[in-house]
N, C-alpha and C. Protein backbone atom coordinates (compact mmCIF):
# COMPACT_ATOMS: atom_id res chain seq x y z
N UNK A 1 -38.64 17.84 53.80
CA UNK A 1 -38.27 17.72 52.63
C UNK A 1 -37.73 18.77 52.05
N UNK A 2 -38.25 19.61 51.30
CA UNK A 2 -37.91 20.91 50.99
C UNK A 2 -38.83 21.89 51.66
N UNK A 3 -37.98 22.33 52.24
CA UNK A 3 -38.33 23.81 52.95
C UNK A 3 -37.88 25.16 52.89
N UNK A 4 -36.67 25.32 51.83
CA UNK A 4 -36.58 26.41 51.78
C UNK A 4 -34.96 25.95 50.86
N UNK A 5 -34.77 27.61 50.54
CA UNK A 5 -33.68 26.96 49.34
C UNK A 5 -32.39 26.85 49.96
N UNK A 6 -31.81 26.17 48.79
CA UNK A 6 -30.55 25.96 49.32
C UNK A 6 -29.33 26.89 50.30
N UNK A 7 -27.85 26.38 50.82
CA UNK A 7 -27.94 27.75 51.28
C UNK A 7 -26.75 28.25 50.29
N UNK A 8 -26.50 27.23 49.21
CA UNK A 8 -25.45 27.66 48.66
C UNK A 8 -26.33 28.89 47.07
N UNK A 9 -28.06 28.85 47.01
CA UNK A 9 -28.15 29.77 46.13
C UNK A 9 -27.74 31.24 46.53
N UNK A 10 -28.42 31.85 45.48
CA UNK A 10 -27.64 33.14 45.44
C UNK A 10 -29.15 33.83 46.63
N UNK A 11 -29.34 35.25 46.53
CA UNK A 11 -30.82 35.37 47.59
C UNK A 11 -31.33 35.99 46.91
N UNK A 12 -31.32 36.16 45.57
CA UNK A 12 -33.03 36.20 44.57
C UNK A 12 -33.56 34.63 44.81
N UNK A 13 -32.41 33.99 44.33
CA UNK A 13 -33.43 32.50 44.36
C UNK A 13 -33.93 32.01 45.43
N UNK A 14 -33.44 32.21 47.01
CA UNK A 14 -33.85 32.29 48.05
C UNK A 14 -34.97 33.44 48.41
N UNK A 15 -35.47 34.40 47.66
CA UNK A 15 -36.80 34.96 47.72
C UNK A 15 -37.76 34.70 47.03
N UNK A 16 -37.66 33.97 45.83
CA UNK A 16 -38.44 33.64 44.98
C UNK A 16 -38.65 31.67 44.92
N UNK A 17 -38.17 31.62 45.67
CA UNK A 17 -38.45 29.77 46.22
C UNK A 17 -39.73 29.73 46.92
N UNK A 18 -40.30 28.60 46.00
CA UNK A 18 -41.47 28.33 46.61
C UNK A 18 -41.60 26.61 46.70
N UNK A 19 -41.57 26.81 48.50
CA UNK A 19 -41.59 24.98 48.73
C UNK A 19 -41.92 24.16 48.07
N UNK A 20 -43.72 24.69 48.53
CA UNK A 20 -44.86 23.89 47.67
C UNK A 20 -44.93 23.21 46.12
N UNK A 21 -44.14 24.69 45.55
CA UNK A 21 -44.47 24.20 43.92
C UNK A 21 -42.77 23.06 43.65
N UNK A 22 -42.00 23.54 44.74
CA UNK A 22 -40.74 22.62 44.46
C UNK A 22 -40.89 20.91 45.27
N UNK A 23 -41.70 20.67 46.34
CA UNK A 23 -42.10 19.37 46.60
C UNK A 23 -43.36 18.82 44.93
N UNK A 24 -44.12 19.93 44.79
CA UNK A 24 -44.81 18.91 43.61
C UNK A 24 -43.96 18.58 42.72
N UNK A 25 -43.03 19.38 42.20
CA UNK A 25 -41.57 19.45 40.77
C UNK A 25 -40.88 17.79 41.73
N UNK A 26 -40.91 18.24 42.72
CA UNK A 26 -39.21 16.93 43.66
C UNK A 26 -40.30 15.43 43.20
N UNK A 27 -42.17 15.20 43.63
CA UNK A 27 -42.50 14.29 43.59
C UNK A 27 -43.07 13.86 41.93
N UNK A 28 -43.05 15.14 40.95
CA UNK A 28 -43.39 14.67 39.93
C UNK A 28 -41.98 14.12 39.08
N UNK A 29 -41.07 14.25 39.34
CA UNK A 29 -39.95 14.11 38.97
C UNK A 29 -39.71 12.09 39.45
N UNK A 30 -39.90 12.52 40.57
CA UNK A 30 -39.87 11.11 41.13
C UNK A 30 -40.64 10.19 40.78
N UNK A 31 -41.70 10.66 40.39
CA UNK A 31 -42.64 9.89 39.38
C UNK A 31 -42.17 9.91 37.53
N UNK A 32 -41.62 10.29 37.10
CA UNK A 32 -40.85 10.13 35.85
C UNK A 32 -40.00 9.42 36.41
N UNK A 33 -39.11 9.28 37.16
CA UNK A 33 -38.26 7.88 36.94
C UNK A 33 -38.61 6.58 37.02
N UNK A 34 -39.88 6.43 37.21
CA UNK A 34 -40.14 4.83 37.41
C UNK A 34 -40.31 4.39 36.46
N UNK A 35 -40.81 5.76 35.23
CA UNK A 35 -40.94 5.11 33.44
C UNK A 35 -39.42 4.05 33.23
N UNK A 36 -38.78 4.63 33.59
CA UNK A 36 -37.47 3.88 33.27
C UNK A 36 -36.43 4.76 33.45
N UNK A 37 -35.07 4.58 33.59
CA UNK A 37 -33.62 5.31 33.87
C UNK A 37 -33.52 6.77 32.93
N UNK A 38 -32.98 7.39 33.00
CA UNK A 38 -33.04 8.89 32.14
C UNK A 38 -31.99 9.63 32.70
N UNK A 39 -31.08 10.55 31.92
CA UNK A 39 -30.95 12.08 32.02
C UNK A 39 -31.69 13.11 32.93
N UNK A 40 -30.84 13.36 33.19
CA UNK A 40 -31.49 14.91 33.73
C UNK A 40 -32.30 16.05 32.46
N UNK A 41 -32.10 15.97 31.64
CA UNK A 41 -32.40 16.06 30.02
C UNK A 41 -33.97 15.48 28.99
N UNK A 42 -33.62 14.88 29.67
CA UNK A 42 -34.72 13.70 29.47
C UNK A 42 -35.99 13.82 30.28
N UNK A 43 -35.35 13.78 31.64
CA UNK A 43 -36.61 14.11 32.46
C UNK A 43 -37.14 15.51 32.04
N UNK A 44 -36.60 16.19 32.06
CA UNK A 44 -36.93 17.76 31.66
C UNK A 44 -38.08 17.56 30.57
N UNK A 45 -37.51 16.90 29.03
CA UNK A 45 -37.85 16.29 28.43
C UNK A 45 -40.12 16.14 28.65
N UNK A 46 -39.85 15.15 29.29
CA UNK A 46 -41.06 14.17 29.96
C UNK A 46 -41.61 15.10 30.75
N UNK A 47 -41.34 15.87 32.18
CA UNK A 47 -41.67 16.62 32.61
C UNK A 47 -42.31 17.89 31.87
N UNK A 48 -42.21 18.36 30.89
CA UNK A 48 -43.27 19.31 29.78
C UNK A 48 -44.04 18.57 28.76
N UNK A 49 -43.75 17.32 28.61
CA UNK A 49 -44.81 16.46 28.34
C UNK A 49 -45.79 15.75 29.60
N UNK A 50 -45.93 15.56 30.27
CA UNK A 50 -47.00 15.28 31.19
C UNK A 50 -47.00 16.27 31.72
N UNK A 51 -46.76 17.56 31.96
CA UNK A 51 -47.50 18.64 32.65
C UNK A 51 -48.78 19.12 31.91
N UNK A 52 -48.53 18.90 30.23
CA UNK A 52 -49.99 18.87 29.37
C UNK A 52 -51.08 18.43 29.68
N UNK A 53 -50.85 17.27 30.64
CA UNK A 53 -52.21 16.85 30.93
C UNK A 53 -52.07 16.71 32.45
N UNK A 54 -51.28 16.89 32.93
CA UNK A 54 -50.95 17.37 34.78
C UNK A 54 -50.71 18.03 35.04
N UNK A 55 -52.14 19.00 35.24
CA UNK A 55 -52.13 20.43 35.31
C UNK A 55 -51.59 20.88 36.31
N UNK A 56 -51.62 20.64 37.30
CA UNK A 56 -51.26 20.41 38.74
C UNK A 56 -50.26 20.64 39.16
N UNK A 57 -49.38 20.01 38.13
CA UNK A 57 -47.69 20.28 37.58
C UNK A 57 -47.12 21.85 37.82
N UNK A 58 -46.19 22.47 38.58
CA UNK A 58 -46.16 23.96 38.06
C UNK A 58 -45.41 23.72 37.19
N UNK A 59 -45.86 25.18 36.47
CA UNK A 59 -45.07 25.63 35.16
C UNK A 59 -43.76 26.65 35.59
N UNK A 60 -42.99 25.49 35.17
CA UNK A 60 -41.24 26.20 35.91
C UNK A 60 -40.40 26.32 34.77
N UNK A 61 -39.10 26.66 35.35
CA UNK A 61 -37.97 26.65 33.84
C UNK A 61 -37.65 25.25 34.20
N UNK A 62 -36.84 24.66 32.64
CA UNK A 62 -36.62 23.32 32.56
C UNK A 62 -35.65 23.57 33.86
N UNK A 63 -34.14 24.82 33.96
CA UNK A 63 -33.17 24.58 35.32
C UNK A 63 -34.20 24.23 36.38
N UNK A 64 -34.42 24.50 37.09
CA UNK A 64 -35.49 24.01 38.17
C UNK A 64 -35.96 22.81 38.29
N UNK A 65 -37.05 22.00 36.79
CA UNK A 65 -36.59 20.67 37.02
C UNK A 65 -35.43 19.53 36.84
N UNK A 66 -33.90 20.71 36.74
CA UNK A 66 -32.68 19.53 36.88
C UNK A 66 -32.23 19.95 38.10
N UNK A 67 -32.49 20.81 39.12
CA UNK A 67 -32.34 21.13 40.40
C UNK A 67 -33.89 20.19 40.62
N UNK A 68 -34.69 19.86 40.74
CA UNK A 68 -35.05 19.49 41.64
C UNK A 68 -35.16 17.67 40.95
N UNK A 69 -34.17 17.21 40.18
CA UNK A 69 -33.91 15.88 39.77
C UNK A 69 -32.57 15.96 41.01
N UNK A 70 -31.85 16.83 41.10
CA UNK A 70 -30.69 16.08 41.93
C UNK A 70 -31.55 16.06 43.96
N UNK A 71 -32.44 16.94 43.96
CA UNK A 71 -33.07 16.94 45.12
C UNK A 71 -33.83 14.89 45.03
N UNK A 72 -34.61 14.75 44.61
CA UNK A 72 -34.77 13.86 44.33
C UNK A 72 -34.33 12.40 44.72
N UNK A 73 -32.61 12.42 43.85
CA UNK A 73 -31.38 11.44 44.25
C UNK A 73 -30.92 11.50 45.68
N UNK A 74 -31.08 13.45 45.95
CA UNK A 74 -30.43 12.82 47.26
C UNK A 74 -31.54 12.77 48.11
N UNK A 75 -32.14 13.00 47.83
CA UNK A 75 -33.79 12.48 49.64
C UNK A 75 -34.22 10.99 48.95
N UNK A 76 -33.93 10.55 47.58
CA UNK A 76 -34.22 8.65 47.66
C UNK A 76 -33.28 8.64 47.38
N UNK A 77 -32.56 7.23 48.37
CA UNK A 77 -31.21 6.71 47.55
C UNK A 77 -31.80 5.28 46.96
N UNK A 78 -32.83 4.88 46.85
CA UNK A 78 -32.90 3.97 44.81
C UNK A 78 -32.70 4.86 44.12
N UNK A 79 -33.01 5.89 44.31
CA UNK A 79 -32.23 6.77 42.79
C UNK A 79 -30.84 7.06 42.49
N UNK A 80 -30.24 6.32 41.73
CA UNK A 80 -28.56 5.83 41.53
C UNK A 80 -28.58 6.01 40.38
N UNK A 81 -27.44 6.41 39.32
CA UNK A 81 -26.90 6.07 38.71
C UNK A 81 -26.28 4.94 37.83
N UNK A 82 -26.98 4.92 36.52
CA UNK A 82 -27.11 3.37 35.98
C UNK A 82 -26.03 3.68 34.87
N UNK A 83 -25.79 4.71 34.37
CA UNK A 83 -25.13 4.24 33.32
C UNK A 83 -24.70 6.34 32.52
N UNK A 84 -24.10 6.17 31.88
CA UNK A 84 -24.21 7.22 31.02
C UNK A 84 -24.61 7.50 30.00
N UNK A 85 -24.60 8.41 29.54
CA UNK A 85 -25.02 8.86 28.03
C UNK A 85 -24.48 10.40 27.37
N UNK A 86 -24.74 10.59 26.36
CA UNK A 86 -24.44 11.98 26.11
C UNK A 86 -25.24 12.64 25.76
N UNK A 87 -25.51 14.10 25.66
CA UNK A 87 -26.35 15.31 25.74
C UNK A 87 -26.55 15.90 24.58
N UNK A 88 -27.74 16.61 24.48
CA UNK A 88 -27.79 17.39 23.20
C UNK A 88 -26.59 17.88 22.95
N UNK A 89 -26.03 18.43 23.89
CA UNK A 89 -24.39 19.09 23.71
C UNK A 89 -22.95 18.69 23.26
N UNK A 90 -23.31 17.54 23.81
CA UNK A 90 -22.75 15.66 23.51
C UNK A 90 -21.26 16.38 25.10
N UNK A 91 -22.23 16.61 26.12
CA UNK A 91 -21.04 16.45 27.08
C UNK A 91 -21.74 14.67 27.63
N UNK A 92 -20.86 13.96 28.54
CA UNK A 92 -21.61 12.65 28.90
C UNK A 92 -21.76 13.16 30.34
N UNK A 93 -22.74 12.58 30.36
CA UNK A 93 -24.12 12.73 31.99
C UNK A 93 -24.63 11.70 32.42
N UNK A 94 -24.78 11.89 33.32
CA UNK A 94 -25.05 10.47 34.27
C UNK A 94 -26.65 9.96 33.91
N UNK A 95 -27.55 8.91 33.93
CA UNK A 95 -28.66 8.76 33.85
C UNK A 95 -28.78 7.89 34.93
N UNK A 96 -29.88 7.77 35.55
CA UNK A 96 -30.24 7.82 36.80
C UNK A 96 -31.92 6.96 36.76
N UNK A 97 -31.83 6.17 37.68
CA UNK A 97 -33.09 4.83 38.18
C UNK A 97 -32.71 4.83 39.31
N UNK A 98 -33.75 4.26 39.20
CA UNK A 98 -33.75 3.50 40.83
C UNK A 98 -33.51 2.04 40.37
N UNK A 99 -33.23 1.31 41.85
CA UNK A 99 -32.33 0.19 41.80
C UNK A 99 -32.84 0.35 43.60
N UNK A 100 -32.16 -1.97 43.49
CA UNK A 100 -32.57 -2.33 44.71
C UNK A 100 -31.91 -1.67 45.83
N UNK A 101 -31.66 -1.16 46.91
CA UNK A 101 -31.07 -0.91 48.02
C UNK A 101 -31.07 -1.90 49.11
N UNK A 102 -29.72 -2.52 49.81
CA UNK A 102 -30.02 -3.18 50.23
C UNK A 102 -30.29 -2.05 52.15
N UNK A 103 -31.42 -2.80 52.53
CA UNK A 103 -31.72 -2.41 53.81
C UNK A 103 -30.85 -2.52 55.14
């Protein structure tokens, strides 16, 4: 799954990468997408809300959750863009959710 930092990450990120925490966050993000389609911004909000009760989820920066959203979509072909929405900054962003994938 996630065994190291991305090759494009700066060296400081590679040194700080915790593959165990990253795996938990990817699993958490994947779970959050089961609640329904969401933008990365919404997944970050949900992660913070659910983390209050799921204390085994790592306390990570919102940017880390966004990166793990991308990882989850890369690792699971069922997570696909289903629509777009506007972020709180007014930018058009993707909304991703689980879809049926032909075998």
